[in-house]
C-alpha atoms as a PDB file:
ATOM      1  CA  UNK A   1      12.756  18.424 -20.644  1.00  0.00           C
ATOM      2  CA  UNK A   2       9.334  18.967 -19.076  1.00  0.00           C
ATOM      3  CA  UNK A   3       8.306  17.814 -15.147  1.00  0.00           C
ATOM      4  CA  UNK A   4       7.001  14.592 -16.232  1.00  0.00           C
ATOM      5  CA  UNK A   5       9.788  13.222 -18.281  1.00  0.00           C
ATOM      6  CA  UNK A   6      12.161  14.689 -15.851  1.00  0.00           C
ATOM      7  CA  UNK A   7       9.893  12.477 -13.088  1.00  0.00           C
ATOM      8  CA  UNK A   8      10.175   9.632 -14.804  1.00  0.00           C
ATOM      9  CA  UNK A   9      13.824   9.872 -15.838  1.00  0.00           C
ATOM     10  CA  UNK A  10      15.020  10.350 -12.511  1.00  0.00           C
ATOM     11  CA  UNK A  11      12.683   7.537 -10.958  1.00  0.00           C
ATOM     12  CA  UNK A  12      13.019   3.828 -10.702  1.00  0.00           C
ATOM     13  CA  UNK A  13      12.307   1.715 -13.770  1.00  0.00           C
ATOM     14  CA  UNK A  14       9.182  -0.093 -14.178  1.00  0.00           C
ATOM     15  CA  UNK A  15       9.391  -3.691 -13.597  1.00  0.00           C
ATOM     16  CA  UNK A  16       9.398  -5.652 -17.298  1.00  0.00           C
ATOM     17  CA  UNK A  17       5.789  -7.106 -16.184  1.00  0.00           C
ATOM     18  CA  UNK A  18       4.451  -3.275 -15.465  1.00  0.00           C
ATOM     19  CA  UNK A  19       6.218  -2.217 -18.585  1.00  0.00           C
ATOM     20  CA  UNK A  20       4.705  -4.829 -20.442  1.00  0.00           C
ATOM     21  CA  UNK A  21       0.963  -4.196 -19.519  1.00  0.00           C
ATOM     22  CA  UNK A  22       2.007  -0.371 -19.893  1.00  0.00           C
ATOM     23  CA  UNK A  23       2.637  -1.306 -23.712  1.00  0.00           C
ATOM     24  CA  UNK A  24       0.196  -3.354 -24.088  1.00  0.00           C
ATOM     25  CA  UNK A  25      -2.639  -1.097 -22.950  1.00  0.00           C
ATOM     26  CA  UNK A  26      -1.018   1.895 -24.861  1.00  0.00           C
ATOM     27  CA  UNK A  27      -1.468  -0.026 -27.992  1.00  0.00           C
ATOM     28  CA  UNK A  28      -4.872  -2.114 -27.621  1.00  0.00           C
ATOM     29  CA  UNK A  29      -7.192  -0.066 -25.450  1.00  0.00           C
ATOM     30  CA  UNK A  30      -9.315   2.650 -26.489  1.00  0.00           C
ATOM     31  CA  UNK A  31      -8.773   4.416 -23.151  1.00  0.00           C
ATOM     32  CA  UNK A  32      -5.401   4.149 -22.577  1.00  0.00           C
ATOM     33  CA  UNK A  33      -4.908   6.863 -20.663  1.00  0.00           C
ATOM     34  CA  UNK A  34      -6.755   5.442 -17.440  1.00  0.00           C
ATOM     35  CA  UNK A  35      -3.643   3.465 -16.712  1.00  0.00           C
ATOM     36  CA  UNK A  36      -1.409   5.051 -13.692  1.00  0.00           C
ATOM     37  CA  UNK A  37       1.544   4.572 -15.540  1.00  0.00           C
ATOM     38  CA  UNK A  38       5.289   4.577 -14.589  1.00  0.00           C
ATOM     39  CA  UNK A  39       5.864   7.736 -12.210  1.00  0.00           C
ATOM     40  CA  UNK A  40       2.176   7.394 -10.208  1.00  0.00           C
ATOM     41  CA  UNK A  41       2.711   3.899 -10.092  1.00  0.00           C
ATOM     42  CA  UNK A  42       5.933   4.001  -8.823  1.00  0.00           C
ATOM     43  CA  UNK A  43       4.257   6.540  -6.162  1.00  0.00           C
ATOM     44  CA  UNK A  44       1.597   3.954  -5.339  1.00  0.00           C
ATOM     45  CA  UNK A  45       4.039   1.336  -4.813  1.00  0.00           C
ATOM     46  CA  UNK A  46       6.238   3.310  -2.473  1.00  0.00           C
ATOM     47  CA  UNK A  47       3.001   4.241  -0.211  1.00  0.00           C
ATOM     48  CA  UNK A  48       2.570   0.391  -0.038  1.00  0.00           C
ATOM     49  CA  UNK A  49       5.556  -0.319   0.941  1.00  0.00           C
ATOM     50  CA  UNK A  50       5.715   2.907   3.675  1.00  0.00           C
ATOM     51  CA  UNK A  51       2.187   1.260   4.971  1.00  0.00           C
ATOM     52  CA  UNK A  52       2.975  -2.265   4.835  1.00  0.00           C
ATOM     53  CA  UNK A  53      -0.348  -3.060   4.381  1.00  0.00           C
ATOM     54  CA  UNK A  54      -2.177  -6.637   5.229  1.00  0.00           C
ATOM     55  CA  UNK A  55      -5.518  -5.784   3.476  1.00  0.00           C
ATOM     56  CA  UNK A  56      -5.483  -3.767   0.120  1.00  0.00           C
ATOM     57  CA  UNK A  57      -9.038  -2.724  -1.278  1.00  0.00           C
ATOM     58  CA  UNK A  58      -9.068  -1.177  -5.278  1.00  0.00           C
ATOM     59  CA  UNK A  59     -11.563   0.103  -6.954  1.00  0.00           C
ATOM     60  CA  UNK A  60     -11.143  -0.226 -10.397  1.00  0.00           C
ATOM     61  CA  UNK A  61      -8.782  -2.585 -11.561  1.00  0.00           C
ATOM     62  CA  UNK A  62      -8.369  -1.933 -15.147  1.00  0.00           C
ATOM     63  CA  UNK A  63      -5.669  -3.783 -16.693  1.00  0.00           C
ATOM     64  CA  UNK A  64      -4.015  -4.757 -13.744  1.00  0.00           C
ATOM     65  CA  UNK A  65      -0.950  -2.186 -13.533  1.00  0.00           C
ATOM     66  CA  UNK A  66      -1.999  -0.454 -10.492  1.00  0.00           C
ATOM     67  CA  UNK A  67      -2.751  -3.443  -8.079  1.00  0.00           C
ATOM     68  CA  UNK A  68       0.457  -5.025  -8.688  1.00  0.00           C
ATOM     69  CA  UNK A  69       2.539  -1.413  -7.701  1.00  0.00           C
ATOM     70  CA  UNK A  70      -0.353  -1.525  -4.521  1.00  0.00           C
ATOM     71  CA  UNK A  71       0.411  -5.595  -3.934  1.00  0.00           C
ATOM     72  CA  UNK A  72       4.311  -4.643  -3.254  1.00  0.00           C
ATOM     73  CA  UNK A  73       4.077  -3.714   0.009  1.00  0.00           C
ATOM     74  CA  UNK A  74       1.992  -6.154   1.404  1.00  0.00           C
ATOM     75  CA  UNK A  75       3.121  -8.339   4.346  1.00  0.00           C
ATOM     76  CA  UNK A  76       3.596 -11.932   3.887  1.00  0.00           C
ATOM     77  CA  UNK A  77      -0.007 -13.120   4.649  1.00  0.00           C
ATOM     78  CA  UNK A  78      -1.431  -9.961   3.007  1.00  0.00           C
ATOM     79  CA  UNK A  79      -4.098 -10.084   0.094  1.00  0.00           C
ATOM     80  CA  UNK A  80      -5.528  -7.452  -2.543  1.00  0.00           C
ATOM     81  CA  UNK A  81      -8.698  -7.141  -3.121  1.00  0.00           C
ATOM     82  CA  UNK A  82      -9.421  -5.392  -6.870  1.00  0.00           C
ATOM     83  CA  UNK A  83     -12.863  -4.713  -8.314  1.00  0.00           C
ATOM     84  CA  UNK A  84     -13.367  -4.504 -11.814  1.00  0.00           C
ATOM     85  CA  UNK A  85     -16.708  -4.107 -13.620  1.00  0.00           C
ATOM     86  CA  UNK A  86     -15.649  -4.908 -17.320  1.00  0.00           C
ATOM     87  CA  UNK A  87     -15.025  -8.330 -18.352  1.00  0.00           C
ATOM     88  CA  UNK A  88     -12.666  -7.899 -20.587  1.00  0.00           C
ATOM     89  CA  UNK A  89     -10.859  -5.503 -18.636  1.00  0.00           C
ATOM     90  CA  UNK A  90     -10.446  -8.059 -15.640  1.00  0.00           C
ATOM     91  CA  UNK A  91      -9.689 -11.033 -18.008  1.00  0.00           C
ATOM     92  CA  UNK A  92      -6.547  -9.029 -19.375  1.00  0.00           C
ATOM     93  CA  UNK A  93      -5.797  -7.976 -15.699  1.00  0.00           C
ATOM     94  CA  UNK A  94      -6.363 -11.829 -14.627  1.00  0.00           C
ATOM     95  CA  UNK A  95      -3.628 -13.012 -17.106  1.00  0.00           C
ATOM     96  CA  UNK A  96      -1.060 -10.229 -15.888  1.00  0.00           C
ATOM     97  CA  UNK A  97      -1.964 -11.165 -12.124  1.00  0.00           C
ATOM     98  CA  UNK A  98      -1.276 -14.708 -13.152  1.00  0.00           C
ATOM     99  CA  UNK A  99       2.218 -14.361 -14.090  1.00  0.00           C
ATOM    100  CA  UNK A 100       3.171 -12.099 -11.221  1.00  0.00           C
ATOM    101  CA  UNK A 101       4.767 -13.110  -7.752  1.00  0.00           C
ATOM    102  CA  UNK A 102       1.742 -11.915  -6.066  1.00  0.00           C
ATOM    103  CA  UNK A 103      -0.314 -14.080  -8.219  1.00  0.00           C
ATOM    104  CA  UNK A 104      -1.951 -15.811  -5.074  1.00  0.00           C
ATOM    105  CA  UNK A 105      -2.326 -12.888  -3.292  1.00  0.00           C
ATOM    106  CA  UNK A 106      -4.190 -10.878  -5.478  1.00  0.00           C
ATOM    107  CA  UNK A 107      -8.185 -11.960  -5.572  1.00  0.00           C
ATOM    108  CA  UNK A 108      -9.954 -10.356  -8.568  1.00  0.00           C
ATOM    109  CA  UNK A 109     -13.831  -9.368  -8.181  1.00  0.00           C
ATOM    110  CA  UNK A 110     -15.502  -8.950 -11.375  1.00  0.00           C
ATOM    111  CA  UNK A 111     -18.990  -6.943 -11.198  1.00  0.00           C
ATOM    112  CA  UNK A 112     -20.675  -3.797  -9.753  1.00  0.00           C
ATOM    113  CA  UNK A 113     -18.156  -2.433  -7.005  1.00  0.00           C
ATOM    114  CA  UNK A 114     -21.405  -1.002  -4.743  1.00  0.00           C
ATOM    115  CA  UNK A 115     -22.580  -4.573  -4.406  1.00  0.00           C
ATOM    116  CA  UNK A 116     -19.244  -6.210  -4.331  1.00  0.00           C
ATOM    117  CA  UNK A 117     -17.797  -4.318  -1.189  1.00  0.00           C
ATOM    118  CA  UNK A 118     -20.081  -5.338   1.567  1.00  0.00           C
ATOM    119  CA  UNK A 119     -19.837  -9.205   0.908  1.00  0.00           C
ATOM    120  CA  UNK A 120     -15.708  -8.662   1.817  1.00  0.00           C
ATOM    121  CA  UNK A 121     -15.858  -8.857   5.571  1.00  0.00           C
ATOM    122  CA  UNK A 122     -12.361  -7.132   5.820  1.00  0.00           C
ATOM    123  CA  UNK A 123     -11.057  -4.266   7.644  1.00  0.00           C
ATOM    124  CA  UNK A 124      -8.813  -2.442   4.978  1.00  0.00           C
ATOM    125  CA  UNK A 125      -5.566  -0.908   5.711  1.00  0.00           C
ATOM    126  CA  UNK A 126      -5.154   0.835   2.131  1.00  0.00           C
ATOM    127  CA  UNK A 127      -8.171   1.545  -0.179  1.00  0.00           C
ATOM    128  CA  UNK A 128      -7.359   3.217  -3.454  1.00  0.00           C
ATOM    129  CA  UNK A 129     -10.820   4.652  -5.407  1.00  0.00           C
ATOM    130  CA  UNK A 130      -9.971   4.681  -9.032  1.00  0.00           C
ATOM    131  CA  UNK A 131     -13.236   3.663 -10.728  1.00  0.00           C
ATOM    132  CA  UNK A 132     -16.609   6.003 -12.246  1.00  0.00           C
ATOM    133  CA  UNK A 133     -16.133   9.218 -11.003  1.00  0.00           C
ATOM    134  CA  UNK A 134     -19.842   9.537 -10.337  1.00  0.00           C
ATOM    135  CA  UNK A 135     -19.187   7.130  -7.649  1.00  0.00           C
ATOM    136  CA  UNK A 136     -16.941   8.142  -5.691  1.00  0.00           C
ATOM    137  CA  UNK A 137     -18.964   9.449  -3.197  1.00  0.00           C
ATOM    138  CA  UNK A 138     -20.319   6.331  -2.573  1.00  0.00           C
ATOM    139  CA  UNK A 139     -17.280   4.572  -2.174  1.00  0.00           C
ATOM    140  CA  UNK A 140     -15.515   6.653   0.320  1.00  0.00           C
ATOM    141  CA  UNK A 141     -19.129   6.224   2.475  1.00  0.00           C
ATOM    142  CA  UNK A 142     -18.769   2.718   1.555  1.00  0.00           C
ATOM    143  CA  UNK A 143     -15.369   1.914   2.737  1.00  0.00           C
ATOM    144  CA  UNK A 144     -14.529   4.356   5.297  1.00  0.00           C
ATOM    145  CA  UNK A 145     -16.395   2.886   8.452  1.00  0.00           C
ATOM    146  CA  UNK A 146     -14.111  -0.625   7.321  1.00  0.00           C
ATOM    147  CA  UNK A 147     -10.787   1.358   7.126  1.00  0.00           C
ATOM    148  CA  UNK A 148      -8.806   0.870  10.246  1.00  0.00           C
ATOM    149  CA  UNK A 149      -7.767   3.514  12.189  1.00  0.00           C
ATOM    150  CA  UNK A 150      -4.866   5.588  10.583  1.00  0.00           C
ATOM    151  CA  UNK A 151      -5.645   3.155   7.628  1.00  0.00           C
ATOM    152  CA  UNK A 152      -5.284   4.971   4.260  1.00  0.00           C
ATOM    153  CA  UNK A 153      -7.859   6.024   1.486  1.00  0.00           C
ATOM    154  CA  UNK A 154      -6.202   7.025  -2.081  1.00  0.00           C
ATOM    155  CA  UNK A 155      -8.804   8.766  -4.117  1.00  0.00           C
ATOM    156  CA  UNK A 156      -6.962   9.266  -8.126  1.00  0.00           C
ATOM    157  CA  UNK A 157      -8.108  11.703 -10.931  1.00  0.00           C
ATOM    158  CA  UNK A 158      -9.449  14.508  -8.620  1.00  0.00           C
ATOM    159  CA  UNK A 159      -8.480  17.451 -11.242  1.00  0.00           C
ATOM    160  CA  UNK A 160     -10.119  15.489 -13.981  1.00  0.00           C
ATOM    161  CA  UNK A 161      -8.340  16.992 -16.583  1.00  0.00           C
ATOM    162  CA  UNK A 162      -8.667  20.512 -14.698  1.00  0.00           C
ATOM    163  CA  UNK A 163     -12.136  20.714 -15.464  1.00  0.00           C
ATOM    164  CA  UNK A 164     -12.915  19.953 -11.502  1.00  0.00           C
ATOM    165  CA  UNK A 165     -10.853  23.330 -10.597  1.00  0.00           C
ATOM    166  CA  UNK A 166     -13.544  25.003 -12.505  1.00  0.00           C
ATOM    167  CA  UNK A 167     -15.717  27.230 -10.553  1.00  0.00           C
ATOM    168  CA  UNK A 168     -18.672  25.556 -12.347  1.00  0.00           C
ATOM    169  CA  UNK A 169     -17.336  22.173 -14.115  1.00  0.00           C
ATOM    170  CA  UNK A 170     -19.272  21.109 -17.212  1.00  0.00           C
ATOM    171  CA  UNK A 171     -20.304  17.401 -17.786  1.00  0.00           C
ATOM    172  CA  UNK A 172     -21.154  14.504 -14.984  1.00  0.00           C
ATOM    173  CA  UNK A 173     -17.894  13.272 -14.181  1.00  0.00           C
ATOM    174  CA  UNK A 174     -16.501  16.771 -13.411  1.00  0.00           C
ATOM    175  CA  UNK A 175     -19.159  17.962 -11.585  1.00  0.00           C
ATOM    176  CA  UNK A 176     -19.089  14.547  -9.575  1.00  0.00           C
ATOM    177  CA  UNK A 177     -15.176  14.889  -8.930  1.00  0.00           C
ATOM    178  CA  UNK A 178     -15.942  18.709  -7.897  1.00  0.00           C
ATOM    179  CA  UNK A 179     -18.413  17.652  -5.187  1.00  0.00           C
ATOM    180  CA  UNK A 180     -16.681  14.723  -3.983  1.00  0.00           C
ATOM    181  CA  UNK A 181     -13.718  16.903  -3.899  1.00  0.00           C
ATOM    182  CA  UNK A 182     -15.826  19.089  -1.461  1.00  0.00           C
ATOM    183  CA  UNK A 183     -17.119  16.615   0.648  1.00  0.00           C
ATOM    184  CA  UNK A 184     -13.592  15.470   1.380  1.00  0.00           C
ATOM    185  CA  UNK A 185     -12.144  19.226   2.257  1.00  0.00           C
ATOM    186  CA  UNK A 186     -15.289  19.676   4.941  1.00  0.00           C
ATOM    187  CA  UNK A 187     -14.723  16.216   6.570  1.00  0.00           C
ATOM    188  CA  UNK A 188     -13.240  16.931  10.249  1.00  0.00           C
ATOM    189  CA  UNK A 189     -12.966  13.136  10.932  1.00  0.00           C
ATOM    190  CA  UNK A 190     -10.110  12.416   8.276  1.00  0.00           C
ATOM    191  CA  UNK A 191      -6.720  14.184   7.379  1.00  0.00           C
ATOM    192  CA  UNK A 192      -6.098  14.722   3.563  1.00  0.00           C
ATOM    193  CA  UNK A 193      -3.705  16.023   1.386  1.00  0.00           C
ATOM    194  CA  UNK A 194      -3.530  16.667  -2.661  1.00  0.00           C
ATOM    195  CA  UNK A 195      -0.996  15.093  -4.469  1.00  0.00           C
ATOM    196  CA  UNK A 196      -0.152  16.796  -7.495  1.00  0.00           C
ATOM    197  CA  UNK A 197       1.041  14.010  -9.650  1.00  0.00           C
ATOM    198  CA  UNK A 198      -0.382  13.329 -12.965  1.00  0.00           C
ATOM    199  CA  UNK A 199      -4.422  13.936 -12.532  1.00  0.00           C
ATOM    200  CA  UNK A 200      -4.059  14.221  -9.467  1.00  0.00           C
ATOM    201  CA  UNK A 201      -4.834  12.390  -6.062  1.00  0.00           C
ATOM    202  CA  UNK A 202      -6.152  12.588  -2.892  1.00  0.00           C
ATOM    203  CA  UNK A 203      -4.133  11.011  -0.131  1.00  0.00           C
ATOM    204  CA  UNK A 204      -6.831  10.491   3.237  1.00  0.00           C
ATOM    205  CA  UNK A 205      -5.929   9.143   6.585  1.00  0.00           C
ATOM    206  CA  UNK A 206      -8.642   7.981   8.932  1.00  0.00           C
ATOM    207  CA  UNK A 207      -8.220   9.511  12.175  1.00  0.00           C
END
């Protein structure tokens, strides 16, 4: 048994709705690899329960799996805002949100995140960045001023399939993630920790 299989087997099971999203995405979406999946999803859920956020922002909804994981720890009057560029994926996610216990606490925005984020007049307890890799630096700069002190930012895919670890990565996405990683590493106004689940995540705390 490999480590990934062990982690899945010995972690709490997905809810039936999350399992349905996972299976449907795997069978029907050409980019099914973008789904957070069981172990990472459970980690996001655990983080949300630990923080007990009132306001969560997710940049990159995809088919809705990670948003439902992040919504699990919301306080009673909490809300999660999630932004998806692609209308088809947003429609899929909306269908699952409407069937969930969080249907009245998840607000889905469709469009360009760089345009939508400034219109959201919120102070964020938790932000999850999992969208186009070339936009990571801009997303971080846009949201950090609106994250509360001791609030958290999570950034996914910071290994980018191992390519971002190379000295001279090829391709715009790998180069963008490497540049983002260097930007985060050099900052002194945040605490940061690399999490080695799946394709790597940055756990960032605003001082």
